[in-house]
Each structure stands twice: as structure tokens, then as C-alpha cells.
């Protein structure tokens, strides 16, 4: 049967392999910045596991402070990676409370209350993991099945850390002097390895999903004007029947060929972009604009939400 040290080493090995895989993927797709951020977070967590394993063998207050700080920092970086993927820019809401908790943890640990330091760190990690799960559940707009699994794994991992803190508080272990070793810690080691491995695999799936979405958007977008192209029109409305609450407006710019002949194609491109900007200015729910090719444009209007004909 695996002992506590073996579980920690298994977690470190699993995290190292996962981080190396993500770095390799990021090198092939540098635009996927969130993958590199996840890898950095996992590397920090691997460093935590190694130092914590050392602390279980050679208890030292300074080593304890560093290990706890790395645990909070690692999950903070992973939380930031989730914000990157979901387009949430309010990083300060996660960074400021986490660093505040890290400072308090270091202070109480320095005073000899390392048990309190562990409780604070576990509470911080629980909050970060819960935030990740909530963000994916609320802000996710992609495949809900994948997002549901991400939320479930984050919540499960958060619960395991919360149990570690609850057990320490229930036993009144405010001063330890050694690494905590109880059923909750052992359970947390197993759950953390399983959940982090699962989250790593899902990160790769999310990267693949994002790449597919970006590729589809590129194939449906006119590169000059930024409007949807003929393929986008066929994708959105190719199989829809136009009824009394839908309409299509076609535009063909007069004398456009003459503009190109007299002023040149760069000026013609500016004309197309300016006309596209005029169309985009009146965009609203239920109104989609397309460039069909050359100087031909189209607008499809439908009664959708607040829009009407």
C-alpha cells in the first residue's frame, strides 16, 4: 500500500509530465497563452509538492512557509489561466486576496502557529478552485459537457482541500511542528492527483476546442472588412426558411470598378472597409451583415429578442 510520501512523489511526477506536455503544445501554438499559464501553475505546484515532501522528513518553519506560499501561488496561476481562457480580465479580484492570505499565513507560521497557516492556505486554495469552477460554469459559452466536467473536478478538488482544513480545526491543531498527516491529507493527495490530471487533459481538450472555433471563425470571416463572408451566410441561414419576420437586403456599390481603376486597389479597399463600418455601426441583435464578394454586401434581419422589422 502506498504511503503518504509515495503519494506526494506520484503527484510531483504526474505534474511534471503534464507541465512538459503543455509547454510542448504551447510551443506549437504560441497563441494559446492560457496553456502556458497552466503549465507554469503546475510547475509551481510541483515545486510545492517536492518541498512539502522534504518538510515531511525534515520539519523546518522556513520550509513550511515556502511550501504553503507555493501551494497558494500555484493555484492562483491556474485561476488566472482560467480567466485568460474565458476572457475574464479582472485578475486583481483573485490576485489581491490571495497575496493577502499568503502574507497572513507567513506571519502566523513565523509566530509558530503553523497549523493556522495550513488552515489559511487550504481555505485560500478552496476559494481559488471554487472560483475556477464557478467561472467555467457561468462564463463558458462552448461545449457545456466539457465545462461541466471542469466545474465538477474543480469543486471536488476544492472539497478535498476544505476537508484538510476542517480536520485541523476540529482537532484544534493550531501548532503542529510537523507536516499534518491524517485521513483528509491522504485523501487530498489522491484526489488532487486525479483531479489535476483530469483538468490537464481537459485543458488540452479546451485548447483543441478553441482552435476549432478560431479556425471556423476565420473561414467564415472576410479578412478585409471583418464581416462574415458567403460561407458564414450559408452556415447561419442556408437551411432556414425566410418567413414574414425575416428579410434580406442586398447592396452593390456603384462604379466601384472605376474607383479601383482611377485611384487604385488600396483606395478601393478603404471604400469597402468604410462601407462595412457603416453597416457594422447599426448592428444589433437579429441583424447580421455579410460581404458576399467584391463590392457585394448583404444584411439579414430577423425578429430576435429586441430586434424587429
C-alpha atoms as a PDB file:
ATOM      1  CA  UNK A   1       0.000   0.000   0.000  1.00  0.00           C
ATOM      2  CA  UNK A   2       1.299   3.476  -0.898  1.00  0.00           C
ATOM      3  CA  UNK A   3       2.385   5.637   1.997  1.00  0.00           C
ATOM      4  CA  UNK A   4       1.979   9.420   2.207  1.00  0.00           C
ATOM      5  CA  UNK A   5       5.447  10.099   0.758  1.00  0.00           C
ATOM      6  CA  UNK A   6       4.740   7.871  -2.239  1.00  0.00           C
ATOM      7  CA  UNK A   7       1.521   9.763  -2.921  1.00  0.00           C
ATOM      8  CA  UNK A   8       3.416  13.051  -2.878  1.00  0.00           C
ATOM      9  CA  UNK A   9       6.078  11.761  -5.253  1.00  0.00           C
ATOM     10  CA  UNK A  10       3.366  10.422  -7.562  1.00  0.00           C
ATOM     11  CA  UNK A  11       1.754  13.862  -7.585  1.00  0.00           C
ATOM     12  CA  UNK A  12       5.096  15.510  -8.424  1.00  0.00           C
ATOM     13  CA  UNK A  13       5.793  13.064 -11.266  1.00  0.00           C
ATOM     14  CA  UNK A  14       2.296  13.430 -12.694  1.00  0.00           C
ATOM     15  CA  UNK A  15       2.501  17.222 -12.545  1.00  0.00           C
ATOM     16  CA  UNK A  16       5.928  17.323 -14.183  1.00  0.00           C
ATOM     17  CA  UNK A  17       4.801  15.193 -17.123  1.00  0.00           C
ATOM     18  CA  UNK A  18       1.630  17.246 -17.508  1.00  0.00           C
ATOM     19  CA  UNK A  19       3.510  20.559 -17.448  1.00  0.00           C
ATOM     20  CA  UNK A  20       6.044  19.307 -20.012  1.00  0.00           C
ATOM     21  CA  UNK A  21       3.201  18.242 -22.321  1.00  0.00           C
ATOM     22  CA  UNK A  22       1.529  21.646 -22.072  1.00  0.00           C
ATOM     23  CA  UNK A  23       4.764  23.523 -22.751  1.00  0.00           C
ATOM     24  CA  UNK A  24       5.285  21.388 -25.850  1.00  0.00           C
ATOM     25  CA  UNK A  25       1.754  22.184 -27.035  1.00  0.00           C
ATOM     26  CA  UNK A  26       2.267  25.898 -26.392  1.00  0.00           C
ATOM     27  CA  UNK A  27       5.472  25.840 -28.475  1.00  0.00           C
ATOM     28  CA  UNK A  28       3.435  24.579 -31.435  1.00  0.00           C
ATOM     29  CA  UNK A  29       0.612  27.075 -30.811  1.00  0.00           C
ATOM     30  CA  UNK A  30       2.007  30.230 -29.094  1.00  0.00           C
ATOM     31  CA  UNK A  31      -1.354  31.995 -29.385  1.00  0.00           C
ATOM     32  CA  UNK A  32      -2.781  29.653 -26.742  1.00  0.00           C
ATOM     33  CA  UNK A  33      -1.302  31.630 -23.871  1.00  0.00           C
ATOM     34  CA  UNK A  34      -3.566  30.065 -21.277  1.00  0.00           C
ATOM     35  CA  UNK A  35      -1.906  26.669 -21.894  1.00  0.00           C
ATOM     36  CA  UNK A  36       1.498  28.096 -20.933  1.00  0.00           C
ATOM     37  CA  UNK A  37      -0.036  29.739 -17.871  1.00  0.00           C
ATOM     38  CA  UNK A  38      -1.494  26.405 -16.766  1.00  0.00           C
ATOM     39  CA  UNK A  39       1.921  24.796 -17.255  1.00  0.00           C
ATOM     40  CA  UNK A  40       3.547  27.493 -15.089  1.00  0.00           C
ATOM     41  CA  UNK A  41       0.964  26.939 -12.373  1.00  0.00           C
ATOM     42  CA  UNK A  42       1.539  23.186 -12.402  1.00  0.00           C
ATOM     43  CA  UNK A  43       5.322  23.690 -12.230  1.00  0.00           C
ATOM     44  CA  UNK A  44       4.852  25.841  -9.128  1.00  0.00           C
ATOM     45  CA  UNK A  45       2.643  23.140  -7.609  1.00  0.00           C
ATOM     46  CA  UNK A  46       5.281  20.503  -8.381  1.00  0.00           C
ATOM     47  CA  UNK A  47       7.815  22.661  -6.540  1.00  0.00           C
ATOM     48  CA  UNK A  48       5.372  22.812  -3.617  1.00  0.00           C
ATOM     49  CA  UNK A  49       4.980  19.034  -3.550  1.00  0.00           C
ATOM     50  CA  UNK A  50       8.745  18.491  -3.572  1.00  0.00           C
ATOM     51  CA  UNK A  51       9.315  20.978  -0.753  1.00  0.00           C
ATOM     52  CA  UNK A  52       6.385  19.582   1.209  1.00  0.00           C
ATOM     53  CA  UNK A  53       7.811  16.073   0.829  1.00  0.00           C
ATOM     54  CA  UNK A  54      11.104  17.409   2.156  1.00  0.00           C
ATOM     55  CA  UNK A  55       9.232  19.075   5.013  1.00  0.00           C
ATOM     56  CA  UNK A  56       7.616  15.759   5.986  1.00  0.00           C
ATOM     57  CA  UNK A  57      11.111  14.363   6.528  1.00  0.00           C
ATOM     58  CA  UNK A  58      12.910  17.438   7.885  1.00  0.00           C
ATOM     59  CA  UNK A  59      10.419  19.843   9.552  1.00  0.00           C
ATOM     60  CA  UNK A  60      11.602  23.433   9.274  1.00  0.00           C
ATOM     61  CA  UNK A  61       9.493  26.608   9.788  1.00  0.00           C
ATOM     62  CA  UNK A  62      11.006  28.412   6.772  1.00  0.00           C
ATOM     63  CA  UNK A  63      10.477  25.389   4.552  1.00  0.00           C
ATOM     64  CA  UNK A  64       6.874  25.243   5.756  1.00  0.00           C
ATOM     65  CA  UNK A  65       6.275  28.899   4.858  1.00  0.00           C
ATOM     66  CA  UNK A  66       7.726  28.478   1.366  1.00  0.00           C
ATOM     67  CA  UNK A  67       5.762  25.287   0.690  1.00  0.00           C
ATOM     68  CA  UNK A  68       2.467  26.876   1.755  1.00  0.00           C
ATOM     69  CA  UNK A  69       3.179  30.000  -0.302  1.00  0.00           C
ATOM     70  CA  UNK A  70       3.893  27.895  -3.396  1.00  0.00           C
ATOM     71  CA  UNK A  71       0.625  25.996  -2.927  1.00  0.00           C
ATOM     72  CA  UNK A  72      -1.422  29.206  -2.948  1.00  0.00           C
ATOM     73  CA  UNK A  73       0.645  30.723  -5.767  1.00  0.00           C
ATOM     74  CA  UNK A  74       0.304  27.651  -7.976  1.00  0.00           C
ATOM     75  CA  UNK A  75      -3.467  27.582  -7.785  1.00  0.00           C
ATOM     76  CA  UNK A  76      -3.596  31.364  -8.237  1.00  0.00           C
ATOM     77  CA  UNK A  77      -1.721  30.997 -11.538  1.00  0.00           C
ATOM     78  CA  UNK A  78      -4.110  28.244 -12.628  1.00  0.00           C
ATOM     79  CA  UNK A  79      -7.042  30.501 -11.711  1.00  0.00           C
ATOM     80  CA  UNK A  80      -5.523  33.267 -13.856  1.00  0.00           C
ATOM     81  CA  UNK A  81      -5.179  30.795 -16.742  1.00  0.00           C
ATOM     82  CA  UNK A  82      -8.908  30.068 -16.464  1.00  0.00           C
ATOM     83  CA  UNK A  83      -9.568  33.814 -16.628  1.00  0.00           C
ATOM     84  CA  UNK A  84      -7.383  34.038 -19.745  1.00  0.00           C
ATOM     85  CA  UNK A  85      -9.312  31.284 -21.473  1.00  0.00           C
ATOM     86  CA  UNK A  86     -12.714  32.708 -20.558  1.00  0.00           C
ATOM     87  CA  UNK A  87     -11.722  36.306 -21.310  1.00  0.00           C
ATOM     88  CA  UNK A  88     -12.187  37.490 -17.713  1.00  0.00           C
ATOM     89  CA  UNK A  89      -9.833  40.437 -17.207  1.00  0.00           C
ATOM     90  CA  UNK A  90     -10.451  41.234 -13.546  1.00  0.00           C
ATOM     91  CA  UNK A  91      -7.321  39.418 -12.338  1.00  0.00           C
ATOM     92  CA  UNK A  92      -6.956  41.699  -9.321  1.00  0.00           C
ATOM     93  CA  UNK A  93     -10.006  40.161  -7.666  1.00  0.00           C
ATOM     94  CA  UNK A  94      -8.076  36.893  -7.420  1.00  0.00           C
ATOM     95  CA  UNK A  95      -4.534  38.231  -7.004  1.00  0.00           C
ATOM     96  CA  UNK A  96      -5.077  40.711  -4.168  1.00  0.00           C
ATOM     97  CA  UNK A  97      -6.951  38.380  -1.735  1.00  0.00           C
ATOM     98  CA  UNK A  98      -4.556  35.515  -2.460  1.00  0.00           C
ATOM     99  CA  UNK A  99      -1.437  37.547  -1.735  1.00  0.00           C
ATOM    100  CA  UNK A 100      -3.088  38.965   1.378  1.00  0.00           C
ATOM    101  CA  UNK A 101      -3.794  35.425   2.599  1.00  0.00           C
ATOM    102  CA  UNK A 102      -0.205  34.420   1.793  1.00  0.00           C
ATOM    103  CA  UNK A 103       1.141  37.302   3.909  1.00  0.00           C
ATOM    104  CA  UNK A 104      -1.114  36.403   6.845  1.00  0.00           C
ATOM    105  CA  UNK A 105      -0.148  32.742   6.502  1.00  0.00           C
ATOM    106  CA  UNK A 106       3.567  33.587   6.554  1.00  0.00           C
ATOM    107  CA  UNK A 107       3.080  35.796   9.626  1.00  0.00           C
ATOM    108  CA  UNK A 108       1.210  33.224  11.718  1.00  0.00           C
ATOM    109  CA  UNK A 109       3.576  30.454  10.661  1.00  0.00           C
ATOM    110  CA  UNK A 110       6.545  32.602  11.669  1.00  0.00           C
ATOM    111  CA  UNK A 111       4.933  33.000  15.101  1.00  0.00           C
ATOM    112  CA  UNK A 112       4.780  29.216  15.464  1.00  0.00           C
ATOM    113  CA  UNK A 113       1.100  28.749  14.575  1.00  0.00           C
ATOM    114  CA  UNK A 114       1.840  26.606  11.533  1.00  0.00           C
ATOM    115  CA  UNK A 115      -1.471  24.759  11.943  1.00  0.00           C
ATOM    116  CA  UNK A 116      -3.275  28.065  11.437  1.00  0.00           C
ATOM    117  CA  UNK A 117      -1.062  28.660   8.393  1.00  0.00           C
ATOM    118  CA  UNK A 118      -2.179  25.362   6.892  1.00  0.00           C
ATOM    119  CA  UNK A 119      -5.828  26.202   7.543  1.00  0.00           C
ATOM    120  CA  UNK A 120      -5.459  29.618   5.882  1.00  0.00           C
ATOM    121  CA  UNK A 121      -3.723  28.093   2.871  1.00  0.00           C
ATOM    122  CA  UNK A 122      -6.325  25.353   2.489  1.00  0.00           C
ATOM    123  CA  UNK A 123      -9.088  27.952   2.678  1.00  0.00           C
ATOM    124  CA  UNK A 124      -7.323  30.053   0.018  1.00  0.00           C
ATOM    125  CA  UNK A 125      -6.920  27.092  -2.334  1.00  0.00           C
ATOM    126  CA  UNK A 126     -10.547  26.080  -1.749  1.00  0.00           C
ATOM    127  CA  UNK A 127     -11.671  29.577  -2.716  1.00  0.00           C
ATOM    128  CA  UNK A 128      -9.485  29.628  -5.845  1.00  0.00           C
ATOM    129  CA  UNK A 129     -10.681  26.221  -7.041  1.00  0.00           C
ATOM    130  CA  UNK A 130     -14.294  27.142  -6.330  1.00  0.00           C
ATOM    131  CA  UNK A 131     -13.788  30.340  -8.335  1.00  0.00           C
ATOM    132  CA  UNK A 132     -12.429  28.343 -11.274  1.00  0.00           C
ATOM    133  CA  UNK A 133     -15.427  26.019 -11.222  1.00  0.00           C
ATOM    134  CA  UNK A 134     -17.889  28.915 -10.945  1.00  0.00           C
ATOM    135  CA  UNK A 135     -16.237  30.876 -13.775  1.00  0.00           C
ATOM    136  CA  UNK A 136     -16.391  27.946 -16.180  1.00  0.00           C
ATOM    137  CA  UNK A 137     -19.989  27.265 -15.267  1.00  0.00           C
ATOM    138  CA  UNK A 138     -21.136  30.887 -15.556  1.00  0.00           C
ATOM    139  CA  UNK A 139     -18.935  32.365 -18.298  1.00  0.00           C
ATOM    140  CA  UNK A 140     -18.383  29.358 -20.533  1.00  0.00           C
ATOM    141  CA  UNK A 141     -20.014  29.595 -23.949  1.00  0.00           C
ATOM    142  CA  UNK A 142     -18.573  26.479 -25.550  1.00  0.00           C
ATOM    143  CA  UNK A 143     -19.365  22.783 -25.104  1.00  0.00           C
ATOM    144  CA  UNK A 144     -21.281  22.641 -21.821  1.00  0.00           C
ATOM    145  CA  UNK A 145     -20.327  18.996 -21.273  1.00  0.00           C
ATOM    146  CA  UNK A 146     -16.635  19.828 -21.041  1.00  0.00           C
ATOM    147  CA  UNK A 147     -17.317  22.856 -18.866  1.00  0.00           C
ATOM    148  CA  UNK A 148     -19.473  20.762 -16.528  1.00  0.00           C
ATOM    149  CA  UNK A 149     -16.608  18.297 -16.045  1.00  0.00           C
ATOM    150  CA  UNK A 150     -14.167  21.155 -15.371  1.00  0.00           C
ATOM    151  CA  UNK A 151     -16.516  22.578 -12.752  1.00  0.00           C
ATOM    152  CA  UNK A 152     -17.004  19.137 -11.177  1.00  0.00           C
ATOM    153  CA  UNK A 153     -13.261  18.401 -10.941  1.00  0.00           C
ATOM    154  CA  UNK A 154     -12.501  21.865  -9.566  1.00  0.00           C
ATOM    155  CA  UNK A 155     -15.254  21.518  -6.990  1.00  0.00           C
ATOM    156  CA  UNK A 156     -14.125  18.039  -5.958  1.00  0.00           C
ATOM    157  CA  UNK A 157     -10.532  19.194  -5.517  1.00  0.00           C
ATOM    158  CA  UNK A 158     -11.733  22.243  -3.578  1.00  0.00           C
ATOM    159  CA  UNK A 159     -13.752  19.991  -1.274  1.00  0.00           C
ATOM    160  CA  UNK A 160     -10.714  17.805  -0.550  1.00  0.00           C
ATOM    161  CA  UNK A 161      -8.665  20.845   0.488  1.00  0.00           C
ATOM    162  CA  UNK A 162     -11.550  22.135   2.575  1.00  0.00           C
ATOM    163  CA  UNK A 163     -11.692  18.791   4.415  1.00  0.00           C
ATOM    164  CA  UNK A 164      -7.999  19.086   5.272  1.00  0.00           C
ATOM    165  CA  UNK A 165      -8.628  22.448   6.911  1.00  0.00           C
ATOM    166  CA  UNK A 166     -11.750  21.244   8.702  1.00  0.00           C
ATOM    167  CA  UNK A 167      -9.918  18.253  10.212  1.00  0.00           C
ATOM    168  CA  UNK A 168      -7.144  20.502  11.554  1.00  0.00           C
ATOM    169  CA  UNK A 169      -9.682  22.873  13.089  1.00  0.00           C
ATOM    170  CA  UNK A 170     -11.757  20.028  14.520  1.00  0.00           C
ATOM    171  CA  UNK A 171      -8.693  18.628  16.273  1.00  0.00           C
ATOM    172  CA  UNK A 172      -7.562  22.067  17.404  1.00  0.00           C
ATOM    173  CA  UNK A 173      -4.137  21.561  15.839  1.00  0.00           C
ATOM    174  CA  UNK A 174      -3.069  25.204  15.728  1.00  0.00           C
ATOM    175  CA  UNK A 175       0.580  24.322  16.347  1.00  0.00           C
ATOM    176  CA  UNK A 176       1.979  21.270  14.585  1.00  0.00           C
ATOM    177  CA  UNK A 177       5.747  21.449  14.204  1.00  0.00           C
ATOM    178  CA  UNK A 178       5.489  18.732  11.559  1.00  0.00           C
ATOM    179  CA  UNK A 179       3.555  18.151   8.361  1.00  0.00           C
ATOM    180  CA  UNK A 180      -0.097  17.215   9.002  1.00  0.00           C
ATOM    181  CA  UNK A 181      -0.777  13.550   8.343  1.00  0.00           C
ATOM    182  CA  UNK A 182      -4.374  12.342   8.632  1.00  0.00           C
ATOM    183  CA  UNK A 183      -7.055  10.703   6.527  1.00  0.00           C
ATOM    184  CA  UNK A 184      -8.021  14.013   4.926  1.00  0.00           C
ATOM    185  CA  UNK A 185      -4.429  14.702   3.845  1.00  0.00           C
ATOM    186  CA  UNK A 186      -4.121  11.261   2.289  1.00  0.00           C
ATOM    187  CA  UNK A 187      -7.469  11.602   0.579  1.00  0.00           C
ATOM    188  CA  UNK A 188      -6.464  15.035  -0.685  1.00  0.00           C
ATOM    189  CA  UNK A 189      -3.264  13.639  -2.204  1.00  0.00           C
ATOM    190  CA  UNK A 190      -5.212  11.054  -4.193  1.00  0.00           C
ATOM    191  CA  UNK A 191      -7.985  13.457  -5.214  1.00  0.00           C
ATOM    192  CA  UNK A 192      -5.536  16.223  -6.156  1.00  0.00           C
ATOM    193  CA  UNK A 193      -3.521  13.912  -8.406  1.00  0.00           C
ATOM    194  CA  UNK A 194      -6.669  12.588 -10.097  1.00  0.00           C
ATOM    195  CA  UNK A 195      -8.322  15.995 -10.473  1.00  0.00           C
ATOM    196  CA  UNK A 196      -5.213  17.827 -11.674  1.00  0.00           C
ATOM    197  CA  UNK A 197      -4.539  15.092 -14.224  1.00  0.00           C
ATOM    198  CA  UNK A 198      -8.143  15.311 -15.377  1.00  0.00           C
ATOM    199  CA  UNK A 199      -8.017  19.109 -15.525  1.00  0.00           C
ATOM    200  CA  UNK A 200      -4.802  18.878 -17.524  1.00  0.00           C
ATOM    201  CA  UNK A 201      -6.443  16.568 -20.056  1.00  0.00           C
ATOM    202  CA  UNK A 202      -9.452  18.898 -20.222  1.00  0.00           C
ATOM    203  CA  UNK A 203      -7.119  21.859 -20.764  1.00  0.00           C
ATOM    204  CA  UNK A 204      -5.854  20.103 -23.875  1.00  0.00           C
ATOM    205  CA  UNK A 205      -9.451  19.487 -24.953  1.00  0.00           C
ATOM    206  CA  UNK A 206     -10.320  23.150 -24.385  1.00  0.00           C
ATOM    207  CA  UNK A 207      -7.265  24.177 -26.392  1.00  0.00           C
ATOM    208  CA  UNK A 208      -8.384  21.936 -29.255  1.00  0.00           C
ATOM    209  CA  UNK A 209     -11.941  23.297 -28.982  1.00  0.00           C
ATOM    210  CA  UNK A 210     -10.708  26.887 -29.004  1.00  0.00           C
ATOM    211  CA  UNK A 211      -8.530  26.182 -32.048  1.00  0.00           C
ATOM    212  CA  UNK A 212     -11.544  24.737 -33.875  1.00  0.00           C
ATOM    213  CA  UNK A 213     -13.671  27.761 -33.007  1.00  0.00           C
ATOM    214  CA  UNK A 214     -10.970  30.182 -34.151  1.00  0.00           C
ATOM    215  CA  UNK A 215     -10.472  28.251 -37.394  1.00  0.00           C
ATOM    216  CA  UNK A 216     -14.211  28.221 -38.061  1.00  0.00           C
ATOM    217  CA  UNK A 217     -14.408  31.948 -37.348  1.00  0.00           C
ATOM    218  CA  UNK A 218     -11.544  32.618 -39.761  1.00  0.00           C
ATOM    219  CA  UNK A 219     -13.159  30.600 -42.545  1.00  0.00           C
ATOM    220  CA  UNK A 220     -16.451  32.466 -42.046  1.00  0.00           C
ATOM    221  CA  UNK A 221     -14.934  35.965 -41.837  1.00  0.00           C
ATOM    222  CA  UNK A 222     -13.930  38.275 -44.648  1.00  0.00           C
ATOM    223  CA  UNK A 223     -10.297  39.235 -43.865  1.00  0.00           C
ATOM    224  CA  UNK A 224     -10.587  42.736 -45.355  1.00  0.00           C
ATOM    225  CA  UNK A 225     -13.777  44.085 -43.768  1.00  0.00           C
ATOM    226  CA  UNK A 226     -14.187  41.784 -40.775  1.00  0.00           C
ATOM    227  CA  UNK A 227     -17.780  40.994 -41.787  1.00  0.00           C
ATOM    228  CA  UNK A 228     -18.961  37.435 -42.261  1.00  0.00           C
ATOM    229  CA  UNK A 229     -18.474  36.053 -45.748  1.00  0.00           C
ATOM    230  CA  UNK A 230     -20.596  33.979 -48.119  1.00  0.00           C
ATOM    231  CA  UNK A 231     -19.724  30.814 -46.197  1.00  0.00           C
ATOM    232  CA  UNK A 232     -20.954  32.461 -43.000  1.00  0.00           C
ATOM    233  CA  UNK A 233     -24.223  33.330 -44.680  1.00  0.00           C
ATOM    234  CA  UNK A 234     -24.693  29.741 -45.818  1.00  0.00           C
ATOM    235  CA  UNK A 235     -23.779  28.410 -42.370  1.00  0.00           C
ATOM    236  CA  UNK A 236     -26.224  30.640 -40.490  1.00  0.00           C
ATOM    237  CA  UNK A 237     -29.114  30.827 -42.931  1.00  0.00           C
ATOM    238  CA  UNK A 238     -28.515  28.150 -45.565  1.00  0.00           C
ATOM    239  CA  UNK A 239     -31.177  25.825 -44.192  1.00  0.00           C
ATOM    240  CA  UNK A 240     -33.574  28.404 -42.741  1.00  0.00           C
ATOM    241  CA  UNK A 241     -36.857  29.306 -44.368  1.00  0.00           C
ATOM    242  CA  UNK A 242     -37.493  33.039 -44.668  1.00  0.00           C
ATOM    243  CA  UNK A 243     -40.922  33.843 -43.306  1.00  0.00           C
ATOM    244  CA  UNK A 244     -42.869  37.043 -42.608  1.00  0.00           C
ATOM    245  CA  UNK A 245     -40.472  38.075 -39.823  1.00  0.00           C
ATOM    246  CA  UNK A 246     -37.240  37.873 -41.803  1.00  0.00           C
ATOM    247  CA  UNK A 247     -35.765  39.930 -44.623  1.00  0.00           C
ATOM    248  CA  UNK A 248     -32.548  40.231 -46.604  1.00  0.00           C
ATOM    249  CA  UNK A 249     -31.128  43.455 -48.044  1.00  0.00           C
ATOM    250  CA  UNK A 250     -28.570  43.327 -50.855  1.00  0.00           C
ATOM    251  CA  UNK A 251     -26.014  46.070 -51.617  1.00  0.00           C
ATOM    252  CA  UNK A 252     -23.891  46.551 -54.730  1.00  0.00           C
ATOM    253  CA  UNK A 253     -21.607  49.587 -54.723  1.00  0.00           C
ATOM    254  CA  UNK A 254     -21.994  51.557 -57.944  1.00  0.00           C
ATOM    255  CA  UNK A 255     -18.941  52.468 -60.021  1.00  0.00           C
ATOM    256  CA  UNK A 256     -16.631  50.503 -57.720  1.00  0.00           C
ATOM    257  CA  UNK A 257     -14.565  49.193 -60.646  1.00  0.00           C
ATOM    258  CA  UNK A 258     -13.982  52.767 -61.770  1.00  0.00           C
ATOM    259  CA  UNK A 259     -12.746  53.671 -58.280  1.00  0.00           C
ATOM    260  CA  UNK A 260     -10.197  50.846 -58.467  1.00  0.00           C
ATOM    261  CA  UNK A 261      -9.119  51.842 -61.971  1.00  0.00           C
ATOM    262  CA  UNK A 262      -8.673  55.544 -61.194  1.00  0.00           C
ATOM    263  CA  UNK A 263      -7.428  55.540 -57.587  1.00  0.00           C
ATOM    264  CA  UNK A 264      -6.013  52.038 -57.249  1.00  0.00           C
ATOM    265  CA  UNK A 265      -6.974  48.953 -55.263  1.00  0.00           C
ATOM    266  CA  UNK A 266      -5.749  50.280 -51.868  1.00  0.00           C
ATOM    267  CA  UNK A 267      -8.280  53.104 -52.110  1.00  0.00           C
ATOM    268  CA  UNK A 268     -10.920  50.604 -53.219  1.00  0.00           C
ATOM    269  CA  UNK A 269     -10.171  48.524 -50.138  1.00  0.00           C
ATOM    270  CA  UNK A 270     -10.666  51.619 -47.978  1.00  0.00           C
ATOM    271  CA  UNK A 271     -14.057  52.190 -49.607  1.00  0.00           C
ATOM    272  CA  UNK A 272     -15.091  48.622 -48.809  1.00  0.00           C
ATOM    273  CA  UNK A 273     -13.905  48.928 -45.209  1.00  0.00           C
ATOM    274  CA  UNK A 274     -15.728  52.225 -44.693  1.00  0.00           C
ATOM    275  CA  UNK A 275     -18.954  50.808 -46.086  1.00  0.00           C
ATOM    276  CA  UNK A 276     -18.558  47.786 -43.818  1.00  0.00           C
ATOM    277  CA  UNK A 277     -18.059  50.162 -40.874  1.00  0.00           C
ATOM    278  CA  UNK A 278     -21.331  51.898 -41.735  1.00  0.00           C
ATOM    279  CA  UNK A 279     -23.140  48.559 -41.743  1.00  0.00           C
ATOM    280  CA  UNK A 280     -21.468  47.480 -38.506  1.00  0.00           C
ATOM    281  CA  UNK A 281     -22.475  50.744 -36.827  1.00  0.00           C
ATOM    282  CA  UNK A 282     -26.133  49.744 -36.986  1.00  0.00           C
ATOM    283  CA  UNK A 283     -25.563  46.158 -35.910  1.00  0.00           C
ATOM    284  CA  UNK A 284     -27.910  44.792 -33.239  1.00  0.00           C
ATOM    285  CA  UNK A 285     -29.446  41.521 -32.149  1.00  0.00           C
ATOM    286  CA  UNK A 286     -31.135  39.851 -35.091  1.00  0.00           C
ATOM    287  CA  UNK A 287     -29.151  41.773 -37.724  1.00  0.00           C
ATOM    288  CA  UNK A 288     -26.211  40.032 -39.418  1.00  0.00           C
ATOM    289  CA  UNK A 289     -24.011  41.641 -42.080  1.00  0.00           C
ATOM    290  CA  UNK A 290     -22.052  39.841 -44.795  1.00  0.00           C
ATOM    291  CA  UNK A 291     -19.639  40.625 -47.598  1.00  0.00           C
ATOM    292  CA  UNK A 292     -20.552  38.256 -50.404  1.00  0.00           C
ATOM    293  CA  UNK A 293     -17.565  39.110 -52.562  1.00  0.00           C
ATOM    294  CA  UNK A 294     -16.158  42.092 -54.411  1.00  0.00           C
ATOM    295  CA  UNK A 295     -18.440  45.078 -53.786  1.00  0.00           C
ATOM    296  CA  UNK A 296     -21.486  42.961 -52.923  1.00  0.00           C
ATOM    297  CA  UNK A 297     -22.870  43.014 -49.380  1.00  0.00           C
ATOM    298  CA  UNK A 298     -25.949  41.653 -47.644  1.00  0.00           C
ATOM    299  CA  UNK A 299     -27.811  42.196 -44.377  1.00  0.00           C
ATOM    300  CA  UNK A 300     -30.159  39.595 -42.927  1.00  0.00           C
ATOM    301  CA  UNK A 301     -32.752  40.898 -40.439  1.00  0.00           C
ATOM    302  CA  UNK A 302     -34.898  38.726 -38.246  1.00  0.00           C
ATOM    303  CA  UNK A 303     -37.189  39.298 -35.302  1.00  0.00           C
ATOM    304  CA  UNK A 304     -34.922  38.126 -32.483  1.00  0.00           C
ATOM    305  CA  UNK A 305     -35.118  39.489 -28.946  1.00  0.00           C
ATOM    306  CA  UNK A 306     -35.463  43.263 -29.083  1.00  0.00           C
ATOM    307  CA  UNK A 307     -34.958  43.440 -32.854  1.00  0.00           C
ATOM    308  CA  UNK A 308     -37.834  43.647 -35.245  1.00  0.00           C
ATOM    309  CA  UNK A 309     -38.614  44.574 -38.810  1.00  0.00           C
END
